[in-house]
Amino acid sequence: AMDRHHEQLTGVREAPPARRRLLRCVGVLLLAAAAVPCVWT
């Protein structure tokens, strides 16, 4: 979601705002989901 890494992967200088928001939301949800298996176990 960061411009620097987005450019390294895609070659596009800036990530579109909608994609940036989507990637941030997905990232936060995946990090929250990472705690679930640990809490279950």
PDB file of all heavy atoms in Angstrom:
ATOM      1  N   ALA A   1       0.826  -1.212   0.000  1.00  0.00           N
ATOM      2  CA  ALA A   1       0.000   0.000   0.000  1.00  0.00           C
ATOM      3  C   ALA A   1       0.861   1.263   0.000  1.00  0.00           C
ATOM      4  O   ALA A   1       0.363   2.341  -0.291  1.00  0.00           O
ATOM      5  CB  ALA A   1      -0.935   0.009   1.208  1.00  0.00           C
ATOM      6  N   MET A   2       2.145   1.139   0.309  1.00  0.00           N
ATOM      7  CA  MET A   2       3.045   2.293   0.312  1.00  0.00           C
ATOM      8  C   MET A   2       3.525   2.550  -1.117  1.00  0.00           C
ATOM      9  O   MET A   2       3.795   1.617  -1.877  1.00  0.00           O
ATOM     10  CB  MET A   2       4.248   2.025   1.213  1.00  0.00           C
ATOM     11  CG  MET A   2       3.891   1.831   2.665  1.00  0.00           C
ATOM     12  SD  MET A   2       5.282   1.285   3.666  1.00  0.00           S
ATOM     13  CE  MET A   2       6.410   2.618   3.446  1.00  0.00           C
ATOM     14  N   ASP A   3       3.645   3.833  -1.482  1.00  0.00           N
ATOM     15  CA  ASP A   3       4.031   4.192  -2.843  1.00  0.00           C
ATOM     16  C   ASP A   3       5.373   3.598  -3.252  1.00  0.00           C
ATOM     17  O   ASP A   3       5.529   3.116  -4.374  1.00  0.00           O
ATOM     18  CB  ASP A   3       4.069   5.715  -3.002  1.00  0.00           C
ATOM     19  CG  ASP A   3       2.678   6.321  -3.041  1.00  0.00           C
ATOM     20  OD1 ASP A   3       1.739   5.618  -3.431  1.00  0.00           O
ATOM     21  OD2 ASP A   3       2.558   7.508  -2.688  1.00  0.00           O
ATOM     22  N   ARG A   4       6.325   3.616  -2.350  1.00  0.00           N
ATOM     23  CA  ARG A   4       7.667   3.118  -2.671  1.00  0.00           C
ATOM     24  C   ARG A   4       7.641   1.652  -3.072  1.00  0.00           C
ATOM     25  O   ARG A   4       8.211   1.254  -4.089  1.00  0.00           O
ATOM     26  CB  ARG A   4       8.571   3.329  -1.465  1.00  0.00           C
ATOM     27  CG  ARG A   4       9.960   2.807  -1.652  1.00  0.00           C
ATOM     28  CD  ARG A   4      10.787   3.068  -0.418  1.00  0.00           C
ATOM     29  NE  ARG A   4      12.123   2.529  -0.610  1.00  0.00           N
ATOM     30  CZ  ARG A   4      13.056   2.572   0.289  1.00  0.00           C
ATOM     31  NH1 ARG A   4      12.831   3.155   1.447  1.00  0.00           N
ATOM     32  NH2 ARG A   4      14.233   2.064   0.063  1.00  0.00           N
ATOM     33  N   HIS A   5       6.977   0.824  -2.284  1.00  0.00           N
ATOM     34  CA  HIS A   5       6.936  -0.610  -2.565  1.00  0.00           C
ATOM     35  C   HIS A   5       5.990  -0.924  -3.716  1.00  0.00           C
ATOM     36  O   HIS A   5       6.228  -1.863  -4.479  1.00  0.00           O
ATOM     37  CB  HIS A   5       6.551  -1.383  -1.311  1.00  0.00           C
ATOM     38  CG  HIS A   5       7.500  -1.152  -0.179  1.00  0.00           C
ATOM     39  ND1 HIS A   5       8.826  -1.488  -0.242  1.00  0.00           N
ATOM     40  CD2 HIS A   5       7.323  -0.592   1.036  1.00  0.00           C
ATOM     41  CE1 HIS A   5       9.419  -1.160   0.884  1.00  0.00           C
ATOM     42  NE2 HIS A   5       8.532  -0.602   1.689  1.00  0.00           N
ATOM     43  N   HIS A   6       4.935  -0.139  -3.846  1.00  0.00           N
ATOM     44  CA  HIS A   6       4.013  -0.325  -4.966  1.00  0.00           C
ATOM     45  C   HIS A   6       4.747  -0.086  -6.280  1.00  0.00           C
ATOM     46  O   HIS A   6       4.572  -0.828  -7.253  1.00  0.00           O
ATOM     47  CB  HIS A   6       2.820   0.634  -4.829  1.00  0.00           C
ATOM     48  CG  HIS A   6       1.738   0.375  -5.817  1.00  0.00           C
ATOM     49  ND1 HIS A   6       1.698   0.987  -7.030  1.00  0.00           N
ATOM     50  CD2 HIS A   6       0.667  -0.449  -5.764  1.00  0.00           C
ATOM     51  CE1 HIS A   6       0.639   0.574  -7.701  1.00  0.00           C
ATOM     52  NE2 HIS A   6       0.005  -0.305  -6.954  1.00  0.00           N
ATOM     53  N   GLU A   7       5.589   0.941  -6.305  1.00  0.00           N
ATOM     54  CA  GLU A   7       6.357   1.235  -7.521  1.00  0.00           C
ATOM     55  C   GLU A   7       7.366   0.125  -7.819  1.00  0.00           C
ATOM     56  O   GLU A   7       7.567  -0.245  -8.981  1.00  0.00           O
ATOM     57  CB  GLU A   7       7.086   2.565  -7.370  1.00  0.00           C
ATOM     58  CG  GLU A   7       7.859   2.968  -8.606  1.00  0.00           C
ATOM     59  CD  GLU A   7       8.587   4.283  -8.454  1.00  0.00           C
ATOM     60  OE1 GLU A   7       8.589   4.856  -7.348  1.00  0.00           O
ATOM     61  OE2 GLU A   7       9.155   4.727  -9.461  1.00  0.00           O
ATOM     62  N   GLN A   8       7.978  -0.431  -6.786  1.00  0.00           N
ATOM     63  CA  GLN A   8       8.950  -1.503  -6.992  1.00  0.00           C
ATOM     64  C   GLN A   8       8.293  -2.740  -7.596  1.00  0.00           C
ATOM     65  O   GLN A   8       8.901  -3.439  -8.404  1.00  0.00           O
ATOM     66  CB  GLN A   8       9.615  -1.876  -5.677  1.00  0.00           C
ATOM     67  CG  GLN A   8      10.568  -0.833  -5.152  1.00  0.00           C
ATOM     68  CD  GLN A   8      11.093  -1.169  -3.766  1.00  0.00           C
ATOM     69  OE1 GLN A   8      10.518  -1.998  -3.052  1.00  0.00           O
ATOM     70  NE2 GLN A   8      12.183  -0.523  -3.385  1.00  0.00           N
ATOM     71  N   LEU A   9       7.055  -3.007  -7.214  1.00  0.00           N
ATOM     72  CA  LEU A   9       6.376  -4.211  -7.698  1.00  0.00           C
ATOM     73  C   LEU A   9       5.673  -4.019  -9.031  1.00  0.00           C
ATOM     74  O   LEU A   9       5.627  -4.937  -9.850  1.00  0.00           O
ATOM     75  CB  LEU A   9       5.359  -4.688  -6.662  1.00  0.00           C
ATOM     76  CG  LEU A   9       5.958  -5.274  -5.398  1.00  0.00           C
ATOM     77  CD1 LEU A   9       4.873  -5.541  -4.373  1.00  0.00           C
ATOM     78  CD2 LEU A   9       6.695  -6.548  -5.710  1.00  0.00           C
ATOM     79  N   THR A  10       5.101  -2.826  -9.264  1.00  0.00           N
ATOM     80  CA  THR A  10       4.286  -2.638 -10.459  1.00  0.00           C
ATOM     81  C   THR A  10       4.902  -1.708 -11.482  1.00  0.00           C
ATOM     82  O   THR A  10       4.495  -1.727 -12.642  1.00  0.00           O
ATOM     83  CB  THR A  10       2.904  -2.067 -10.081  1.00  0.00           C
ATOM     84  OG1 THR A  10       3.069  -0.774  -9.509  1.00  0.00           O
ATOM     85  CG2 THR A  10       2.170  -2.994  -9.142  1.00  0.00           C
ATOM     86  N   GLY A  11       5.833  -0.860 -11.071  1.00  0.00           N
ATOM     87  CA  GLY A  11       6.391   0.120 -11.978  1.00  0.00           C
ATOM     88  C   GLY A  11       5.577   1.396 -12.062  1.00  0.00           C
ATOM     89  O   GLY A  11       5.984   2.362 -12.685  1.00  0.00           O
ATOM     90  N   VAL A  12       4.417   1.414 -11.436  1.00  0.00           N
ATOM     91  CA  VAL A  12       3.563   2.601 -11.400  1.00  0.00           C
ATOM     92  C   VAL A  12       3.997   3.458 -10.221  1.00  0.00           C
ATOM     93  O   VAL A  12       4.168   2.961  -9.112  1.00  0.00           O
ATOM     94  CB  VAL A  12       2.071   2.199 -11.260  1.00  0.00           C
ATOM     95  CG1 VAL A  12       1.186   3.421 -11.173  1.00  0.00           C
ATOM     96  CG2 VAL A  12       1.663   1.320 -12.424  1.00  0.00           C
ATOM     97  N   ARG A  13       4.192   4.758 -10.475  1.00  0.00           N
ATOM     98  CA  ARG A  13       4.766   5.642  -9.454  1.00  0.00           C
ATOM     99  C   ARG A  13       3.913   5.719  -8.188  1.00  0.00           C
ATOM    100  O   ARG A  13       4.442   5.633  -7.086  1.00  0.00           O
ATOM    101  CB  ARG A  13       4.946   7.038 -10.019  1.00  0.00           C
ATOM    102  CG  ARG A  13       5.804   7.918  -9.156  1.00  0.00           C
ATOM    103  CD  ARG A  13       6.386   8.989 -10.024  1.00  0.00           C
ATOM    104  NE  ARG A  13       7.493   9.765  -9.652  1.00  0.00           N
ATOM    105  CZ  ARG A  13       8.669   9.388  -9.196  1.00  0.00           C
ATOM    106  NH1 ARG A  13       8.892   8.148  -8.929  1.00  0.00           N
ATOM    107  NH2 ARG A  13       9.630  10.234  -8.983  1.00  0.00           N
ATOM    108  N   GLU A  14       2.627   5.907  -8.297  1.00  0.00           N
ATOM    109  CA  GLU A  14       1.743   6.018  -7.127  1.00  0.00           C
ATOM    110  C   GLU A  14       0.603   5.015  -7.219  1.00  0.00           C
ATOM    111  O   GLU A  14       0.049   4.802  -8.289  1.00  0.00           O
ATOM    112  CB  GLU A  14       1.148   7.424  -7.040  1.00  0.00           C
ATOM    113  CG  GLU A  14       2.137   8.496  -6.673  1.00  0.00           C
ATOM    114  CD  GLU A  14       1.472   9.839  -6.465  1.00  0.00           C
ATOM    115  OE1 GLU A  14       0.230   9.870  -6.358  1.00  0.00           O
ATOM    116  OE2 GLU A  14       2.194  10.834  -6.426  1.00  0.00           O
ATOM    117  N   ALA A  15       0.262   4.451  -6.086  1.00  0.00           N
ATOM    118  CA  ALA A  15      -0.896   3.557  -6.022  1.00  0.00           C
ATOM    119  C   ALA A  15      -2.165   4.398  -6.034  1.00  0.00           C
ATOM    120  O   ALA A  15      -2.224   5.435  -5.381  1.00  0.00           O
ATOM    121  CB  ALA A  15      -0.842   2.718  -4.753  1.00  0.00           C
ATOM    122  N   PRO A  16      -3.180   3.970  -6.784  1.00  0.00           N
ATOM    123  CA  PRO A  16      -4.446   4.700  -6.744  1.00  0.00           C
ATOM    124  C   PRO A  16      -5.006   4.702  -5.316  1.00  0.00           C
ATOM    125  O   PRO A  16      -4.834   3.725  -4.574  1.00  0.00           O
ATOM    126  CB  PRO A  16      -5.353   3.903  -7.678  1.00  0.00           C
ATOM    127  CG  PRO A  16      -4.432   3.088  -8.524  1.00  0.00           C
ATOM    128  CD  PRO A  16      -3.199   2.856  -7.705  1.00  0.00           C
ATOM    129  N   PRO A  17      -5.674   5.791  -4.907  1.00  0.00           N
ATOM    130  CA  PRO A  17      -6.184   5.876  -3.530  1.00  0.00           C
ATOM    131  C   PRO A  17      -7.114   4.731  -3.140  1.00  0.00           C
ATOM    132  O   PRO A  17      -7.051   4.243  -2.016  1.00  0.00           O
ATOM    133  CB  PRO A  17      -6.919   7.211  -3.513  1.00  0.00           C
ATOM    134  CG  PRO A  17      -6.299   8.006  -4.616  1.00  0.00           C
ATOM    135  CD  PRO A  17      -5.887   7.022  -5.662  1.00  0.00           C
ATOM    136  N   ALA A  18      -7.957   4.291  -4.065  1.00  0.00           N
ATOM    137  CA  ALA A  18      -8.878   3.194  -3.739  1.00  0.00           C
ATOM    138  C   ALA A  18      -8.103   1.907  -3.463  1.00  0.00           C
ATOM    139  O   ALA A  18      -8.415   1.170  -2.522  1.00  0.00           O
ATOM    140  CB  ALA A  18      -9.869   2.988  -4.876  1.00  0.00           C
ATOM    141  N   ARG A  19      -7.095   1.627  -4.276  1.00  0.00           N
ATOM    142  CA  ARG A  19      -6.289   0.419  -4.068  1.00  0.00           C
ATOM    143  C   ARG A  19      -5.509   0.516  -2.774  1.00  0.00           C
ATOM    144  O   ARG A  19      -5.355  -0.449  -2.033  1.00  0.00           O
ATOM    145  CB  ARG A  19      -5.332   0.203  -5.231  1.00  0.00           C
ATOM    146  CG  ARG A  19      -4.510  -1.076  -5.066  1.00  0.00           C
ATOM    147  CD  ARG A  19      -3.558  -1.298  -6.198  1.00  0.00           C
ATOM    148  NE  ARG A  19      -4.282  -1.433  -7.448  1.00  0.00           N
ATOM    149  CZ  ARG A  19      -3.698  -1.360  -8.635  1.00  0.00           C
ATOM    150  NH1 ARG A  19      -2.405  -1.165  -8.735  1.00  0.00           N
ATOM    151  NH2 ARG A  19      -4.413  -1.489  -9.737  1.00  0.00           N
ATOM    152  N   ARG A  20      -4.997   1.701  -2.470  1.00  0.00           N
ATOM    153  CA  ARG A  20      -4.235   1.909  -1.236  1.00  0.00           C
ATOM    154  C   ARG A  20      -5.108   1.629  -0.020  1.00  0.00           C
ATOM    155  O   ARG A  20      -4.699   0.933   0.908  1.00  0.00           O
ATOM    156  CB  ARG A  20      -3.698   3.338  -1.196  1.00  0.00           C
ATOM    157  CG  ARG A  20      -2.727   3.555  -0.079  1.00  0.00           C
ATOM    158  CD  ARG A  20      -2.158   4.960  -0.068  1.00  0.00           C
ATOM    159  NE  ARG A  20      -1.494   5.250  -1.318  1.00  0.00           N
ATOM    160  CZ  ARG A  20      -1.619   6.396  -1.988  1.00  0.00           C
ATOM    161  NH1 ARG A  20      -2.365   7.352  -1.519  1.00  0.00           N
ATOM    162  NH2 ARG A  20      -0.979   6.587  -3.112  1.00  0.00           N
ATOM    163  N   ARG A  21      -6.346   2.160  -0.033  1.00  0.00           N
ATOM    164  CA  ARG A  21      -7.271   1.910   1.089  1.00  0.00           C
ATOM    165  C   ARG A  21      -7.609   0.433   1.209  1.00  0.00           C
ATOM    166  O   ARG A  21      -7.652  -0.120   2.308  1.00  0.00           O
ATOM    167  CB  ARG A  21      -8.550   2.731   0.912  1.00  0.00           C
ATOM    168  CG  ARG A  21      -8.470   4.070   1.563  1.00  0.00           C
ATOM    169  CD  ARG A  21      -9.785   4.824   1.454  1.00  0.00           C
ATOM    170  NE  ARG A  21      -9.591   5.757   0.337  1.00  0.00           N
ATOM    171  CZ  ARG A  21     -10.314   5.815  -0.774  1.00  0.00           C
ATOM    172  NH1 ARG A  21     -11.331   5.061  -0.933  1.00  0.00           N
ATOM    173  NH2 ARG A  21     -10.040   6.662  -1.735  1.00  0.00           N
ATOM    174  N   LEU A  22      -7.854  -0.207   0.065  1.00  0.00           N
ATOM    175  CA  LEU A  22      -8.184  -1.630   0.076  1.00  0.00           C
ATOM    176  C   LEU A  22      -7.028  -2.452   0.642  1.00  0.00           C
ATOM    177  O   LEU A  22      -7.240  -3.333   1.483  1.00  0.00           O
ATOM    178  CB  LEU A  22      -8.524  -2.109  -1.336  1.00  0.00           C
ATOM    179  CG  LEU A  22      -8.791  -3.598  -1.486  1.00  0.00           C
ATOM    180  CD1 LEU A  22     -10.069  -3.977  -0.748  1.00  0.00           C
ATOM    181  CD2 LEU A  22      -8.891  -3.980  -2.942  1.00  0.00           C
ATOM    182  N   LEU A  23      -5.813  -2.169   0.212  1.00  0.00           N
ATOM    183  CA  LEU A  23      -4.663  -2.913   0.712  1.00  0.00           C
ATOM    184  C   LEU A  23      -4.441  -2.688   2.200  1.00  0.00           C
ATOM    185  O   LEU A  23      -4.075  -3.612   2.928  1.00  0.00           O
ATOM    186  CB  LEU A  23      -3.409  -2.528  -0.071  1.00  0.00           C
ATOM    187  CG  LEU A  23      -3.321  -3.092  -1.482  1.00  0.00           C
ATOM    188  CD1 LEU A  23      -2.219  -2.410  -2.266  1.00  0.00           C
ATOM    189  CD2 LEU A  23      -3.115  -4.584  -1.441  1.00  0.00           C
ATOM    190  N   ARG A  24      -4.665  -1.474   2.666  1.00  0.00           N
ATOM    191  CA  ARG A  24      -4.529  -1.207   4.101  1.00  0.00           C
ATOM    192  C   ARG A  24      -5.566  -1.983   4.901  1.00  0.00           C
ATOM    193  O   ARG A  24      -5.249  -2.573   5.938  1.00  0.00           O
ATOM    194  CB  ARG A  24      -4.663   0.282   4.376  1.00  0.00           C
ATOM    195  CG  ARG A  24      -3.458   1.077   3.971  1.00  0.00           C
ATOM    196  CD  ARG A  24      -3.667   2.548   4.211  1.00  0.00           C
ATOM    197  NE  ARG A  24      -2.527   3.322   3.732  1.00  0.00           N
ATOM    198  CZ  ARG A  24      -2.534   4.624   3.585  1.00  0.00           C
ATOM    199  NH1 ARG A  24      -3.624   5.322   3.875  1.00  0.00           N
ATOM    200  NH2 ARG A  24      -1.472   5.255   3.139  1.00  0.00           N
ATOM    201  N   CYS A  25      -6.799  -1.996   4.425  1.00  0.00           N
ATOM    202  CA  CYS A  25      -7.861  -2.737   5.134  1.00  0.00           C
ATOM    203  C   CYS A  25      -7.569  -4.234   5.143  1.00  0.00           C
ATOM    204  O   CYS A  25      -7.706  -4.892   6.174  1.00  0.00           O
ATOM    205  CB  CYS A  25      -9.214  -2.468   4.489  1.00  0.00           C
ATOM    206  SG  CYS A  25      -9.827  -0.801   4.748  1.00  0.00           S
ATOM    207  N   VAL A  26      -7.159  -4.766   4.002  1.00  0.00           N
ATOM    208  CA  VAL A  26      -6.836  -6.189   3.920  1.00  0.00           C
ATOM    209  C   VAL A  26      -5.666  -6.526   4.844  1.00  0.00           C
ATOM    210  O   VAL A  26      -5.675  -7.542   5.536  1.00  0.00           O
ATOM    211  CB  VAL A  26      -6.535  -6.596   2.460  1.00  0.00           C
ATOM    212  CG1 VAL A  26      -5.916  -7.970   2.382  1.00  0.00           C
ATOM    213  CG2 VAL A  26      -7.792  -6.530   1.622  1.00  0.00           C
ATOM    214  N   GLY A  27      -4.663  -5.661   4.863  1.00  0.00           N
ATOM    215  CA  GLY A  27      -3.506  -5.891   5.726  1.00  0.00           C
ATOM    216  C   GLY A  27      -3.876  -5.924   7.194  1.00  0.00           C
ATOM    217  O   GLY A  27      -3.439  -6.798   7.939  1.00  0.00           O
ATOM    218  N   VAL A  28      -4.703  -4.975   7.608  1.00  0.00           N
ATOM    219  CA  VAL A  28      -5.126  -4.934   9.010  1.00  0.00           C
ATOM    220  C   VAL A  28      -5.963  -6.163   9.354  1.00  0.00           C
ATOM    221  O   VAL A  28      -5.793  -6.770  10.423  1.00  0.00           O
ATOM    222  CB  VAL A  28      -5.894  -3.628   9.300  1.00  0.00           C
ATOM    223  CG1 VAL A  28      -6.584  -3.684  10.643  1.00  0.00           C
ATOM    224  CG2 VAL A  28      -4.953  -2.445   9.231  1.00  0.00           C
ATOM    225  N   LEU A  29      -6.863  -6.552   8.463  1.00  0.00           N
ATOM    226  CA  LEU A  29      -7.693  -7.736   8.720  1.00  0.00           C
ATOM    227  C   LEU A  29      -6.850  -9.012   8.794  1.00  0.00           C
ATOM    228  O   LEU A  29      -7.095  -9.869   9.644  1.00  0.00           O
ATOM    229  CB  LEU A  29      -8.769  -7.868   7.643  1.00  0.00           C
ATOM    230  CG  LEU A  29      -9.875  -6.829   7.697  1.00  0.00           C
ATOM    231  CD1 LEU A  29     -10.799  -6.977   6.492  1.00  0.00           C
ATOM    232  CD2 LEU A  29     -10.662  -6.940   8.986  1.00  0.00           C
ATOM    233  N   LEU A  30      -5.854  -9.128   7.918  1.00  0.00           N
ATOM    234  CA  LEU A  30      -4.994 -10.312   7.973  1.00  0.00           C
ATOM    235  C   LEU A  30      -4.162 -10.350   9.247  1.00  0.00           C
ATOM    236  O   LEU A  30      -3.961 -11.418   9.829  1.00  0.00           O
ATOM    237  CB  LEU A  30      -4.081 -10.349   6.739  1.00  0.00           C
ATOM    238  CG  LEU A  30      -4.749 -10.773   5.441  1.00  0.00           C
ATOM    239  CD1 LEU A  30      -3.816 -10.529   4.265  1.00  0.00           C
ATOM    240  CD2 LEU A  30      -5.171 -12.223   5.496  1.00  0.00           C
ATOM    241  N   LEU A  31      -3.677  -9.191   9.696  1.00  0.00           N
ATOM    242  CA  LEU A  31      -2.929  -9.169  10.951  1.00  0.00           C
ATOM    243  C   LEU A  31      -3.823  -9.519  12.141  1.00  0.00           C
ATOM    244  O   LEU A  31      -3.393 -10.216  13.066  1.00  0.00           O
ATOM    245  CB  LEU A  31      -2.283  -7.803  11.156  1.00  0.00           C
ATOM    246  CG  LEU A  31      -1.072  -7.519  10.273  1.00  0.00           C
ATOM    247  CD1 LEU A  31      -0.606  -6.089  10.477  1.00  0.00           C
ATOM    248  CD2 LEU A  31       0.044  -8.497  10.551  1.00  0.00           C
ATOM    249  N   ALA A  32      -5.062  -9.059  12.115  1.00  0.00           N
ATOM    250  CA  ALA A  32      -5.994  -9.424  13.185  1.00  0.00           C
ATOM    251  C   ALA A  32      -6.317 -10.919  13.126  1.00  0.00           C
ATOM    252  O   ALA A  32      -6.423 -11.585  14.156  1.00  0.00           O
ATOM    253  CB  ALA A  32      -7.270  -8.596  13.080  1.00  0.00           C
ATOM    254  N   ALA A  33      -6.447 -11.445  11.910  1.00  0.00           N
ATOM    255  CA  ALA A  33      -6.748 -12.873  11.752  1.00  0.00           C
ATOM    256  C   ALA A  33      -5.573 -13.743  12.188  1.00  0.00           C
ATOM    257  O   ALA A  33      -5.766 -14.914  12.546  1.00  0.00           O
ATOM    258  CB  ALA A  33      -7.110 -13.177  10.300  1.00  0.00           C
ATOM    259  N   ALA A  34      -4.371 -13.210  12.175  1.00  0.00           N
ATOM    260  CA  ALA A  34      -3.202 -13.989  12.595  1.00  0.00           C
ATOM    261  C   ALA A  34      -3.259 -14.344  14.077  1.00  0.00           C
ATOM    262  O   ALA A  34      -2.666 -15.333  14.511  1.00  0.00           O
ATOM    263  CB  ALA A  34      -1.920 -13.214  12.289  1.00  0.00           C
ATOM    264  N   ALA A  35      -3.969 -13.570  14.864  1.00  0.00           N
ATOM    265  CA  ALA A  35      -4.074 -13.861  16.295  1.00  0.00           C
ATOM    266  C   ALA A  35      -5.060 -14.990  16.585  1.00  0.00           C
ATOM    267  O   ALA A  35      -4.950 -15.646  17.625  1.00  0.00           O
ATOM    268  CB  ALA A  35      -4.495 -12.609  17.055  1.00  0.00           C
ATOM    269  N   VAL A  36      -5.987 -15.222  15.690  1.00  0.00           N
ATOM    270  CA  VAL A  36      -7.053 -16.203  15.946  1.00  0.00           C
ATOM    271  C   VAL A  36      -6.518 -17.619  16.172  1.00  0.00           C
ATOM    272  O   VAL A  36      -6.893 -18.261  17.166  1.00  0.00           O
ATOM    273  CB  VAL A  36      -8.113 -16.159  14.823  1.00  0.00           C
ATOM    274  CG1 VAL A  36      -9.119 -17.282  14.958  1.00  0.00           C
ATOM    275  CG2 VAL A  36      -8.805 -14.807  14.807  1.00  0.00           C
ATOM    276  N   PRO A  37      -5.664 -18.171  15.296  1.00  0.00           N
ATOM    277  CA  PRO A  37      -5.184 -19.541  15.559  1.00  0.00           C
ATOM    278  C   PRO A  37      -4.411 -19.661  16.873  1.00  0.00           C
ATOM    279  O   PRO A  37      -4.492 -20.689  17.547  1.00  0.00           O
ATOM    280  CB  PRO A  37      -4.271 -19.858  14.377  1.00  0.00           C
ATOM    281  CG  PRO A  37      -4.428 -18.782  13.399  1.00  0.00           C
ATOM    282  CD  PRO A  37      -5.144 -17.656  14.030  1.00  0.00           C
ATOM    283  N   CYS A  38      -3.686 -18.612  17.237  1.00  0.00           N
ATOM    284  CA  CYS A  38      -2.929 -18.650  18.498  1.00  0.00           C
ATOM    285  C   CYS A  38      -3.867 -18.663  19.699  1.00  0.00           C
ATOM    286  O   CYS A  38      -3.659 -19.411  20.651  1.00  0.00           O
ATOM    287  CB  CYS A  38      -1.996 -17.450  18.574  1.00  0.00           C
ATOM    288  SG  CYS A  38      -0.729 -17.463  17.300  1.00  0.00           S
ATOM    289  N   VAL A  39      -4.902 -17.848  19.640  1.00  0.00           N
ATOM    290  CA  VAL A  39      -5.865 -17.794  20.759  1.00  0.00           C
ATOM    291  C   VAL A  39      -6.621 -19.113  20.849  1.00  0.00           C
ATOM    292  O   VAL A  39      -6.888 -19.610  21.947  1.00  0.00           O
ATOM    293  CB  VAL A  39      -6.808 -16.587  20.600  1.00  0.00           C
ATOM    294  CG1 VAL A  39      -7.945 -16.642  21.596  1.00  0.00           C
ATOM    295  CG2 VAL A  39      -6.034 -15.288  20.731  1.00  0.00           C
ATOM    296  N   TRP A  40      -6.983 -19.708  19.701  1.00  0.00           N
ATOM    297  CA  TRP A  40      -7.670 -21.006  19.723  1.00  0.00           C
ATOM    298  C   TRP A  40      -6.792 -22.084  20.331  1.00  0.00           C
ATOM    299  O   TRP A  40      -7.268 -22.950  21.060  1.00  0.00           O
ATOM    300  CB  TRP A  40      -8.055 -21.443  18.320  1.00  0.00           C
ATOM    301  CG  TRP A  40      -9.331 -20.851  17.801  1.00  0.00           C
ATOM    302  CD1 TRP A  40     -10.304 -20.226  18.510  1.00  0.00           C
ATOM    303  CD2 TRP A  40      -9.740 -20.833  16.442  1.00  0.00           C
ATOM    304  NE1 TRP A  40     -11.284 -19.813  17.662  1.00  0.00           N
ATOM    305  CE2 TRP A  40     -10.980 -20.169  16.400  1.00  0.00           C
ATOM    306  CE3 TRP A  40      -9.197 -21.301  15.267  1.00  0.00           C
ATOM    307  CZ2 TRP A  40     -11.681 -19.971  15.214  1.00  0.00           C
ATOM    308  CZ3 TRP A  40      -9.894 -21.093  14.092  1.00  0.00           C
ATOM    309  CH2 TRP A  40     -11.114 -20.452  14.074  1.00  0.00           C
ATOM    310  N   THR A  41      -5.514 -22.067  20.016  1.00  0.00           N
ATOM    311  CA  THR A  41      -4.624 -23.138  20.459  1.00  0.00           C
ATOM    312  C   THR A  41      -4.168 -22.964  21.900  1.00  0.00           C
ATOM    313  O   THR A  41      -4.172 -23.920  22.670  1.00  0.00           O
ATOM    314  CB  THR A  41      -3.393 -23.210  19.530  1.00  0.00           C
ATOM    315  OG1 THR A  41      -3.850 -23.394  18.186  1.00  0.00           O
ATOM    316  CG2 THR A  41      -2.487 -24.347  19.913  1.00  0.00           C
TER     317      THR A  41
END
